């Protein structure tokens, strides 16, 4: 029963929902990046390199061996550096996009925490702490003046 109670607290606090939403958005974002790389960025790159399809680029270490009837007896052994290039491009695009999103979120958070900025509503806790700090500084100034 205690385990169920702990799970309920975990779910109600929002941790589980935040995680689920992040995973779902991440999976959808992965699809967008995959299409962006394969259907938008690589075709022009392929034109520049005279129609080379990067996904199929590989170094063949051992050719496939076929039987007389055309069935494959042994698979080819190859290093697929083209797929590695695509994955690297995916990673760079995702990394840059995440960097831009985090930078934007940090800018919004910094603006929200700036108590002197009237264009954005300051959270109550930040506002109260700012007022407390101002009062303490004023009190210290008064105390120093009496000495």
C-alpha atoms as a PDB file:
ATOM      1  CA  UNK A   1       0.000   0.000   0.000  1.00  0.00           C
ATOM      2  CA  UNK A   2       2.917   2.339   0.749  1.00  0.00           C
ATOM      3  CA  UNK A   3       4.290   1.792  -2.765  1.00  0.00           C
ATOM      4  CA  UNK A   4       0.951   2.842  -4.277  1.00  0.00           C
ATOM      5  CA  UNK A   5       0.932   5.972  -2.093  1.00  0.00           C
ATOM      6  CA  UNK A   6       4.462   6.894  -3.193  1.00  0.00           C
ATOM      7  CA  UNK A   7       3.531   6.326  -6.845  1.00  0.00           C
ATOM      8  CA  UNK A   8       0.450   8.525  -6.415  1.00  0.00           C
ATOM      9  CA  UNK A   9       2.603  11.311  -4.926  1.00  0.00           C
ATOM     10  CA  UNK A  10       5.079  10.950  -7.790  1.00  0.00           C
ATOM     11  CA  UNK A  11       2.315  11.128 -10.399  1.00  0.00           C
ATOM     12  CA  UNK A  12       0.458  13.998  -8.724  1.00  0.00           C
ATOM     13  CA  UNK A  13       3.578  16.147  -8.322  1.00  0.00           C
ATOM     14  CA  UNK A  14       3.801  16.248 -12.100  1.00  0.00           C
ATOM     15  CA  UNK A  15       7.137  14.488 -12.500  1.00  0.00           C
ATOM     16  CA  UNK A  16       5.601  11.597 -14.374  1.00  0.00           C
ATOM     17  CA  UNK A  17       3.505  13.846 -16.604  1.00  0.00           C
ATOM     18  CA  UNK A  18       6.477  16.110 -17.346  1.00  0.00           C
ATOM     19  CA  UNK A  19       8.545  13.073 -18.275  1.00  0.00           C
ATOM     20  CA  UNK A  20       5.800  11.622 -20.491  1.00  0.00           C
ATOM     21  CA  UNK A  21       5.266  14.927 -22.273  1.00  0.00           C
ATOM     22  CA  UNK A  22       9.014  15.309 -22.809  1.00  0.00           C
ATOM     23  CA  UNK A  23       9.314  11.813 -24.265  1.00  0.00           C
ATOM     24  CA  UNK A  24       6.340  12.294 -26.594  1.00  0.00           C
ATOM     25  CA  UNK A  25       7.569  15.667 -27.824  1.00  0.00           C
ATOM     26  CA  UNK A  26      11.085  14.256 -28.205  1.00  0.00           C
ATOM     27  CA  UNK A  27       9.826  11.389 -30.375  1.00  0.00           C
ATOM     28  CA  UNK A  28       7.840  13.777 -32.576  1.00  0.00           C
ATOM     29  CA  UNK A  29      10.819  16.137 -32.776  1.00  0.00           C
ATOM     30  CA  UNK A  30      13.018  13.225 -33.861  1.00  0.00           C
ATOM     31  CA  UNK A  31      10.684  12.545 -36.793  1.00  0.00           C
ATOM     32  CA  UNK A  32      10.803  16.194 -37.854  1.00  0.00           C
ATOM     33  CA  UNK A  33      14.611  16.238 -37.719  1.00  0.00           C
ATOM     34  CA  UNK A  34      14.791  12.954 -39.633  1.00  0.00           C
ATOM     35  CA  UNK A  35      12.669  14.367 -42.450  1.00  0.00           C
ATOM     36  CA  UNK A  36      14.569  17.665 -42.370  1.00  0.00           C
ATOM     37  CA  UNK A  37      17.884  15.878 -42.837  1.00  0.00           C
ATOM     38  CA  UNK A  38      16.817  13.200 -45.331  1.00  0.00           C
ATOM     39  CA  UNK A  39      14.316  15.139 -47.440  1.00  0.00           C
ATOM     40  CA  UNK A  40      15.460  18.758 -47.167  1.00  0.00           C
ATOM     41  CA  UNK A  41      19.216  18.951 -46.503  1.00  0.00           C
ATOM     42  CA  UNK A  42      20.657  15.845 -48.130  1.00  0.00           C
ATOM     43  CA  UNK A  43      19.037  16.187 -51.602  1.00  0.00           C
ATOM     44  CA  UNK A  44      20.734  19.556 -52.339  1.00  0.00           C
ATOM     45  CA  UNK A  45      23.980  18.134 -50.943  1.00  0.00           C
ATOM     46  CA  UNK A  46      23.486  15.166 -53.258  1.00  0.00           C
ATOM     47  CA  UNK A  47      23.085  17.543 -56.230  1.00  0.00           C
ATOM     48  CA  UNK A  48      26.350  19.244 -55.349  1.00  0.00           C
ATOM     49  CA  UNK A  49      28.086  15.873 -55.310  1.00  0.00           C
ATOM     50  CA  UNK A  50      26.600  14.740 -58.649  1.00  0.00           C
ATOM     51  CA  UNK A  51      23.677  12.698 -57.303  1.00  0.00           C
ATOM     52  CA  UNK A  52      25.525  10.700 -54.669  1.00  0.00           C
ATOM     53  CA  UNK A  53      23.102   9.215 -52.109  1.00  0.00           C
ATOM     54  CA  UNK A  54      24.914   9.559 -48.786  1.00  0.00           C
ATOM     55  CA  UNK A  55      22.823   6.952 -46.991  1.00  0.00           C
ATOM     56  CA  UNK A  56      24.064   4.234 -49.333  1.00  0.00           C
ATOM     57  CA  UNK A  57      27.749   5.201 -49.146  1.00  0.00           C
ATOM     58  CA  UNK A  58      29.831   2.415 -47.651  1.00  0.00           C
ATOM     59  CA  UNK A  59      33.200   0.756 -47.721  1.00  0.00           C
ATOM     60  CA  UNK A  60      32.771  -2.870 -48.710  1.00  0.00           C
ATOM     61  CA  UNK A  61      35.093  -5.134 -46.789  1.00  0.00           C
ATOM     62  CA  UNK A  62      33.757  -8.396 -48.233  1.00  0.00           C
ATOM     63  CA  UNK A  63      31.421  -8.767 -51.213  1.00  0.00           C
ATOM     64  CA  UNK A  64      28.192 -10.737 -50.873  1.00  0.00           C
ATOM     65  CA  UNK A  65      28.351 -14.250 -52.304  1.00  0.00           C
ATOM     66  CA  UNK A  66      25.338 -15.498 -54.279  1.00  0.00           C
ATOM     67  CA  UNK A  67      24.277 -19.004 -55.208  1.00  0.00           C
ATOM     68  CA  UNK A  68      23.650 -19.962 -58.825  1.00  0.00           C
ATOM     69  CA  UNK A  69      19.897 -19.388 -58.366  1.00  0.00           C
ATOM     70  CA  UNK A  70      20.517 -15.795 -57.185  1.00  0.00           C
ATOM     71  CA  UNK A  71      19.915 -16.255 -53.463  1.00  0.00           C
ATOM     72  CA  UNK A  72      22.486 -14.746 -51.131  1.00  0.00           C
ATOM     73  CA  UNK A  73      24.843 -17.334 -49.682  1.00  0.00           C
ATOM     74  CA  UNK A  74      26.772 -14.909 -47.455  1.00  0.00           C
ATOM     75  CA  UNK A  75      25.929 -11.273 -46.705  1.00  0.00           C
ATOM     76  CA  UNK A  76      28.294  -8.495 -47.637  1.00  0.00           C
ATOM     77  CA  UNK A  77      30.382  -6.961 -44.882  1.00  0.00           C
ATOM     78  CA  UNK A  78      30.580  -3.178 -45.160  1.00  0.00           C
ATOM     79  CA  UNK A  79      31.201  -0.033 -43.132  1.00  0.00           C
ATOM     80  CA  UNK A  80      28.237   2.301 -43.687  1.00  0.00           C
ATOM     81  CA  UNK A  81      29.886   5.693 -43.335  1.00  0.00           C
ATOM     82  CA  UNK A  82      27.012   7.387 -45.177  1.00  0.00           C
ATOM     83  CA  UNK A  83      24.547   6.409 -42.454  1.00  0.00           C
ATOM     84  CA  UNK A  84      27.055   7.701 -39.896  1.00  0.00           C
ATOM     85  CA  UNK A  85      27.187  11.012 -41.754  1.00  0.00           C
ATOM     86  CA  UNK A  86      23.379  11.269 -41.681  1.00  0.00           C
ATOM     87  CA  UNK A  87      23.277  10.448 -37.979  1.00  0.00           C
ATOM     88  CA  UNK A  88      25.974  13.049 -37.302  1.00  0.00           C
ATOM     89  CA  UNK A  89      24.021  15.666 -39.238  1.00  0.00           C
ATOM     90  CA  UNK A  90      20.881  14.701 -37.255  1.00  0.00           C
ATOM     91  CA  UNK A  91      22.824  15.111 -34.020  1.00  0.00           C
ATOM     92  CA  UNK A  92      24.208  18.521 -35.012  1.00  0.00           C
ATOM     93  CA  UNK A  93      20.773  19.817 -35.996  1.00  0.00           C
ATOM     94  CA  UNK A  94      19.166  18.507 -32.807  1.00  0.00           C
ATOM     95  CA  UNK A  95      21.984  19.885 -30.670  1.00  0.00           C
ATOM     96  CA  UNK A  96      21.778  23.325 -32.290  1.00  0.00           C
ATOM     97  CA  UNK A  97      17.983  23.397 -31.991  1.00  0.00           C
ATOM     98  CA  UNK A  98      18.088  22.414 -28.322  1.00  0.00           C
ATOM     99  CA  UNK A  99      20.737  25.092 -27.744  1.00  0.00           C
ATOM    100  CA  UNK A 100      18.488  27.748 -29.332  1.00  0.00           C
ATOM    101  CA  UNK A 101      15.447  26.615 -27.302  1.00  0.00           C
ATOM    102  CA  UNK A 102      17.407  26.602 -24.014  1.00  0.00           C
ATOM    103  CA  UNK A 103      18.872  30.012 -24.812  1.00  0.00           C
ATOM    104  CA  UNK A 104      15.377  31.375 -25.499  1.00  0.00           C
ATOM    105  CA  UNK A 105      13.990  29.826 -22.284  1.00  0.00           C
ATOM    106  CA  UNK A 106      16.878  31.262 -20.240  1.00  0.00           C
ATOM    107  CA  UNK A 107      16.226  34.706 -21.703  1.00  0.00           C
ATOM    108  CA  UNK A 108      12.542  34.452 -20.752  1.00  0.00           C
ATOM    109  CA  UNK A 109      13.415  33.229 -17.251  1.00  0.00           C
ATOM    110  CA  UNK A 110      15.929  36.044 -16.748  1.00  0.00           C
ATOM    111  CA  UNK A 111      13.374  38.615 -17.878  1.00  0.00           C
ATOM    112  CA  UNK A 112      10.773  37.138 -15.521  1.00  0.00           C
ATOM    113  CA  UNK A 113      13.210  37.277 -12.594  1.00  0.00           C
ATOM    114  CA  UNK A 114      14.154  40.912 -13.267  1.00  0.00           C
ATOM    115  CA  UNK A 115      12.015  42.864 -10.806  1.00  0.00           C
ATOM    116  CA  UNK A 116      12.651  46.181 -12.564  1.00  0.00           C
ATOM    117  CA  UNK A 117      11.287  44.931 -15.916  1.00  0.00           C
ATOM    118  CA  UNK A 118       7.601  45.900 -16.046  1.00  0.00           C
ATOM    119  CA  UNK A 119       6.898  44.201 -19.394  1.00  0.00           C
ATOM    120  CA  UNK A 120       6.920  40.726 -17.805  1.00  0.00           C
ATOM    121  CA  UNK A 121       5.087  39.668 -14.662  1.00  0.00           C
ATOM    122  CA  UNK A 122       7.635  38.802 -11.957  1.00  0.00           C
ATOM    123  CA  UNK A 123       6.882  35.650  -9.937  1.00  0.00           C
ATOM    124  CA  UNK A 124       5.703  36.434  -6.395  1.00  0.00           C
ATOM    125  CA  UNK A 125       8.622  34.671  -4.686  1.00  0.00           C
ATOM    126  CA  UNK A 126      11.186  36.663  -6.692  1.00  0.00           C
ATOM    127  CA  UNK A 127       9.267  39.887  -6.047  1.00  0.00           C
ATOM    128  CA  UNK A 128       9.115  39.229  -2.295  1.00  0.00           C
ATOM    129  CA  UNK A 129      12.808  38.364  -2.109  1.00  0.00           C
ATOM    130  CA  UNK A 130      13.669  41.528  -4.030  1.00  0.00           C
ATOM    131  CA  UNK A 131      11.612  43.658  -1.626  1.00  0.00           C
ATOM    132  CA  UNK A 132      13.222  41.898   1.342  1.00  0.00           C
ATOM    133  CA  UNK A 133      16.679  42.604  -0.066  1.00  0.00           C
ATOM    134  CA  UNK A 134      15.823  46.274  -0.588  1.00  0.00           C
ATOM    135  CA  UNK A 135      14.508  46.550   2.983  1.00  0.00           C
ATOM    136  CA  UNK A 136      17.656  44.930   4.397  1.00  0.00           C
ATOM    137  CA  UNK A 137      19.881  47.285   2.398  1.00  0.00           C
ATOM    138  CA  UNK A 138      17.865  50.271   3.647  1.00  0.00           C
ATOM    139  CA  UNK A 139      18.114  49.028   7.234  1.00  0.00           C
ATOM    140  CA  UNK A 140      21.891  48.542   6.920  1.00  0.00           C
ATOM    141  CA  UNK A 141      22.245  52.076   5.557  1.00  0.00           C
ATOM    142  CA  UNK A 142      20.265  53.476   8.500  1.00  0.00           C
ATOM    143  CA  UNK A 143      22.286  51.484  11.017  1.00  0.00           C
ATOM    144  CA  UNK A 144      25.593  52.626   9.507  1.00  0.00           C
ATOM    145  CA  UNK A 145      24.388  56.234   9.632  1.00  0.00           C
ATOM    146  CA  UNK A 146      23.709  56.033  13.394  1.00  0.00           C
ATOM    147  CA  UNK A 147      27.213  54.860  14.209  1.00  0.00           C
END
